[in-house]
Amino acid sequence: MHVWDVQIKAGHTFSFTVPEGWNTNTLILSGTASFNRQAKIGEAQVVVLERVGQQMLVQAESDTQLLLLSGEPLEEPIVGYGPFVMNTQQEVNQAIEDFNEGRFGKMP
């Protein structure tokens, strides 16, 4: 798994290779940048990259900070309800019950 906090000065570039078969997402925290000289992405936008192993070039049009997240797919079933994400509906129901019973801890 990769978790990168990347800062690029305006006019500069950053390149990385998307590992073959991995899920890769990039969130622009501030600034604007283009990916492979194509898509121009701005603050609070997300880029979801294909699972094809390829070199990516990010060119900052302004000072840019981005969060790059990449990892091997889990290939597991996903069931979600509100903030709860598990593998089965039964696990989601148990998580909701645990939350309601205070088994997740308490906020001060």
C-alpha atoms as a PDB file:
ATOM      1  CA  MET A   1       0.000   0.000   0.000  1.00  0.00           C
ATOM      2  CA  HIS A   2       1.208   3.513  -0.790  1.00  0.00           C
ATOM      3  CA  VAL A   3       0.071   6.662   1.015  1.00  0.00           C
ATOM      4  CA  TRP A   4       1.918   9.714  -0.274  1.00  0.00           C
ATOM      5  CA  ASP A   5       1.517  13.374   0.656  1.00  0.00           C
ATOM      6  CA  VAL A   6       2.934  15.111  -2.421  1.00  0.00           C
ATOM      7  CA  GLN A   7       3.675  18.826  -2.771  1.00  0.00           C
ATOM      8  CA  ILE A   8       4.547  20.212  -6.204  1.00  0.00           C
ATOM      9  CA  LYS A   9       5.569  23.791  -6.937  1.00  0.00           C
ATOM     10  CA  ALA A  10       3.813  25.609  -9.788  1.00  0.00           C
ATOM     11  CA  GLY A  11       5.313  24.658 -13.143  1.00  0.00           C
ATOM     12  CA  HIS A  12       7.039  21.550 -11.794  1.00  0.00           C
ATOM     13  CA  THR A  13       6.165  17.896 -12.339  1.00  0.00           C
ATOM     14  CA  PHE A  14       5.915  14.697 -10.322  1.00  0.00           C
ATOM     15  CA  SER A  15       5.893  11.249 -11.875  1.00  0.00           C
ATOM     16  CA  PHE A  16       5.027   7.840 -10.476  1.00  0.00           C
ATOM     17  CA  THR A  17       4.193   4.388 -11.776  1.00  0.00           C
ATOM     18  CA  VAL A  18       0.778   2.903 -11.117  1.00  0.00           C
ATOM     19  CA  PRO A  19       1.461  -0.726 -10.142  1.00  0.00           C
ATOM     20  CA  GLU A  20      -0.213  -3.255 -12.441  1.00  0.00           C
ATOM     21  CA  GLY A  21      -3.584  -4.310 -11.002  1.00  0.00           C
ATOM     22  CA  TRP A  22      -3.548  -1.871  -8.073  1.00  0.00           C
ATOM     23  CA  ASN A  23      -6.302   0.599  -7.207  1.00  0.00           C
ATOM     24  CA  THR A  24      -4.944   4.154  -7.257  1.00  0.00           C
ATOM     25  CA  ASN A  25      -6.759   7.356  -6.260  1.00  0.00           C
ATOM     26  CA  THR A  26      -5.441  10.881  -6.007  1.00  0.00           C
ATOM     27  CA  LEU A  27      -7.145  13.671  -4.040  1.00  0.00           C
ATOM     28  CA  ILE A  28      -6.115  17.250  -4.782  1.00  0.00           C
ATOM     29  CA  LEU A  29      -5.896  18.979  -1.391  1.00  0.00           C
ATOM     30  CA  SER A  30      -4.964  22.375  -2.839  1.00  0.00           C
ATOM     31  CA  GLY A  31      -3.984  23.865  -6.179  1.00  0.00           C
ATOM     32  CA  THR A  32      -4.554  22.623  -9.724  1.00  0.00           C
ATOM     33  CA  ALA A  33      -2.690  20.046 -11.774  1.00  0.00           C
ATOM     34  CA  SER A  34      -2.962  18.073 -14.981  1.00  0.00           C
ATOM     35  CA  PHE A  35      -2.485  14.317 -15.265  1.00  0.00           C
ATOM     36  CA  ASN A  36      -0.571  13.012 -18.296  1.00  0.00           C
ATOM     37  CA  ARG A  37      -1.170  16.398 -19.927  1.00  0.00           C
ATOM     38  CA  GLN A  38      -4.877  15.598 -20.213  1.00  0.00           C
ATOM     39  CA  ALA A  39      -7.290  16.028 -17.328  1.00  0.00           C
ATOM     40  CA  LYS A  40      -6.998  19.304 -15.377  1.00  0.00           C
ATOM     41  CA  ILE A  41      -7.971  18.670 -11.754  1.00  0.00           C
ATOM     42  CA  GLY A  42      -8.601  21.217  -9.006  1.00  0.00           C
ATOM     43  CA  GLU A  43      -8.939  21.390  -5.251  1.00  0.00           C
ATOM     44  CA  ALA A  44     -11.201  18.769  -3.612  1.00  0.00           C
ATOM     45  CA  GLN A  45     -11.385  16.708  -6.804  1.00  0.00           C
ATOM     46  CA  VAL A  46     -10.444  13.037  -7.023  1.00  0.00           C
ATOM     47  CA  VAL A  47      -8.717  11.154  -9.822  1.00  0.00           C
ATOM     48  CA  VAL A  48      -9.373   7.396 -10.006  1.00  0.00           C
ATOM     49  CA  LEU A  49      -6.730   5.698 -12.123  1.00  0.00           C
ATOM     50  CA  GLU A  50      -7.180   2.478 -14.076  1.00  0.00           C
ATOM     51  CA  ARG A  51      -5.524  -0.715 -12.862  1.00  0.00           C
ATOM     52  CA  VAL A  52      -3.174  -0.701 -15.836  1.00  0.00           C
ATOM     53  CA  GLY A  53       0.470  -0.383 -14.824  1.00  0.00           C
ATOM     54  CA  GLN A  54       1.589   2.889 -16.349  1.00  0.00           C
ATOM     55  CA  GLN A  55       3.737   5.924 -15.740  1.00  0.00           C
ATOM     56  CA  MET A  56       1.757   8.974 -14.595  1.00  0.00           C
ATOM     57  CA  LEU A  57       2.954  12.549 -14.933  1.00  0.00           C
ATOM     58  CA  VAL A  58       1.416  15.245 -12.735  1.00  0.00           C
ATOM     59  CA  GLN A  59       2.153  18.837 -13.750  1.00  0.00           C
ATOM     60  CA  ALA A  60       1.275  21.545 -11.225  1.00  0.00           C
ATOM     61  CA  GLU A  61      -0.336  24.632 -12.724  1.00  0.00           C
ATOM     62  CA  SER A  62      -0.217  26.286  -9.303  1.00  0.00           C
ATOM     63  CA  ASP A  63       1.402  25.193  -6.039  1.00  0.00           C
ATOM     64  CA  THR A  64      -0.334  21.869  -5.492  1.00  0.00           C
ATOM     65  CA  GLN A  65      -0.675  19.403  -2.643  1.00  0.00           C
ATOM     66  CA  LEU A  66      -2.162  15.996  -3.340  1.00  0.00           C
ATOM     67  CA  LEU A  67      -2.774  12.768  -1.479  1.00  0.00           C
ATOM     68  CA  LEU A  68      -1.936   9.649  -3.476  1.00  0.00           C
ATOM     69  CA  LEU A  69      -3.439   6.368  -2.253  1.00  0.00           C
ATOM     70  CA  SER A  70      -2.590   3.082  -3.936  1.00  0.00           C
ATOM     71  CA  GLY A  71      -2.924  -0.562  -2.982  1.00  0.00           C
ATOM     72  CA  GLU A  72      -3.672  -4.082  -4.081  1.00  0.00           C
ATOM     73  CA  PRO A  73      -7.410  -4.756  -4.369  1.00  0.00           C
ATOM     74  CA  LEU A  74      -8.778  -6.918  -1.566  1.00  0.00           C
ATOM     75  CA  GLU A  75     -11.260  -8.645  -3.888  1.00  0.00           C
ATOM     76  CA  GLU A  76     -13.676  -9.098  -0.975  1.00  0.00           C
ATOM     77  CA  PRO A  77     -17.410  -8.416  -0.878  1.00  0.00           C
ATOM     78  CA  ILE A  78     -18.381  -4.995   0.473  1.00  0.00           C
ATOM     79  CA  VAL A  79     -21.589  -4.126   2.319  1.00  0.00           C
ATOM     80  CA  GLY A  80     -22.056  -0.604   3.594  1.00  0.00           C
ATOM     81  CA  TYR A  81     -24.646   1.229   5.659  1.00  0.00           C
ATOM     82  CA  GLY A  82     -23.906   4.793   6.755  1.00  0.00           C
ATOM     83  CA  PRO A  83     -20.405   4.873   8.247  1.00  0.00           C
ATOM     84  CA  PHE A  84     -20.278   1.082   8.608  1.00  0.00           C
ATOM     85  CA  VAL A  85     -18.514  -0.948   5.916  1.00  0.00           C
ATOM     86  CA  MET A  86     -18.090  -4.681   6.356  1.00  0.00           C
ATOM     87  CA  ASN A  87     -18.104  -7.872   4.258  1.00  0.00           C
ATOM     88  CA  THR A  88     -21.650  -9.073   5.029  1.00  0.00           C
ATOM     89  CA  GLN A  89     -24.974  -7.590   6.095  1.00  0.00           C
ATOM     90  CA  GLN A  90     -24.727  -9.629   9.302  1.00  0.00           C
ATOM     91  CA  GLU A  91     -21.389  -7.943  10.135  1.00  0.00           C
ATOM     92  CA  VAL A  92     -22.899  -4.506   9.432  1.00  0.00           C
ATOM     93  CA  ASN A  93     -25.842  -5.287  11.726  1.00  0.00           C
ATOM     94  CA  GLN A  94     -23.412  -6.406  14.463  1.00  0.00           C
ATOM     95  CA  ALA A  95     -21.361  -3.209  14.065  1.00  0.00           C
ATOM     96  CA  ILE A  96     -24.511  -1.086  14.404  1.00  0.00           C
ATOM     97  CA  GLU A  97     -25.512  -2.993  17.529  1.00  0.00           C
ATOM     98  CA  ASP A  98     -21.996  -2.639  18.987  1.00  0.00           C
ATOM     99  CA  PHE A  99     -22.047   1.094  18.276  1.00  0.00           C
ATOM    100  CA  ASN A 100     -25.477   1.572  19.853  1.00  0.00           C
ATOM    101  CA  GLU A 101     -24.366  -0.384  22.945  1.00  0.00           C
ATOM    102  CA  GLY A 102     -21.287   1.844  23.367  1.00  0.00           C
ATOM    103  CA  ARG A 103     -18.753  -0.869  22.526  1.00  0.00           C
ATOM    104  CA  PHE A 104     -16.898   1.475  20.139  1.00  0.00           C
ATOM    105  CA  GLY A 105     -15.757   3.637  23.041  1.00  0.00           C
ATOM    106  CA  LYS A 106     -16.946   7.057  24.084  1.00  0.00           C
ATOM    107  CA  MET A 107     -15.980  10.530  22.980  1.00  0.00           C
ATOM    108  CA  PRO A 108     -14.818  12.795  25.813  1.00  0.00           C
END
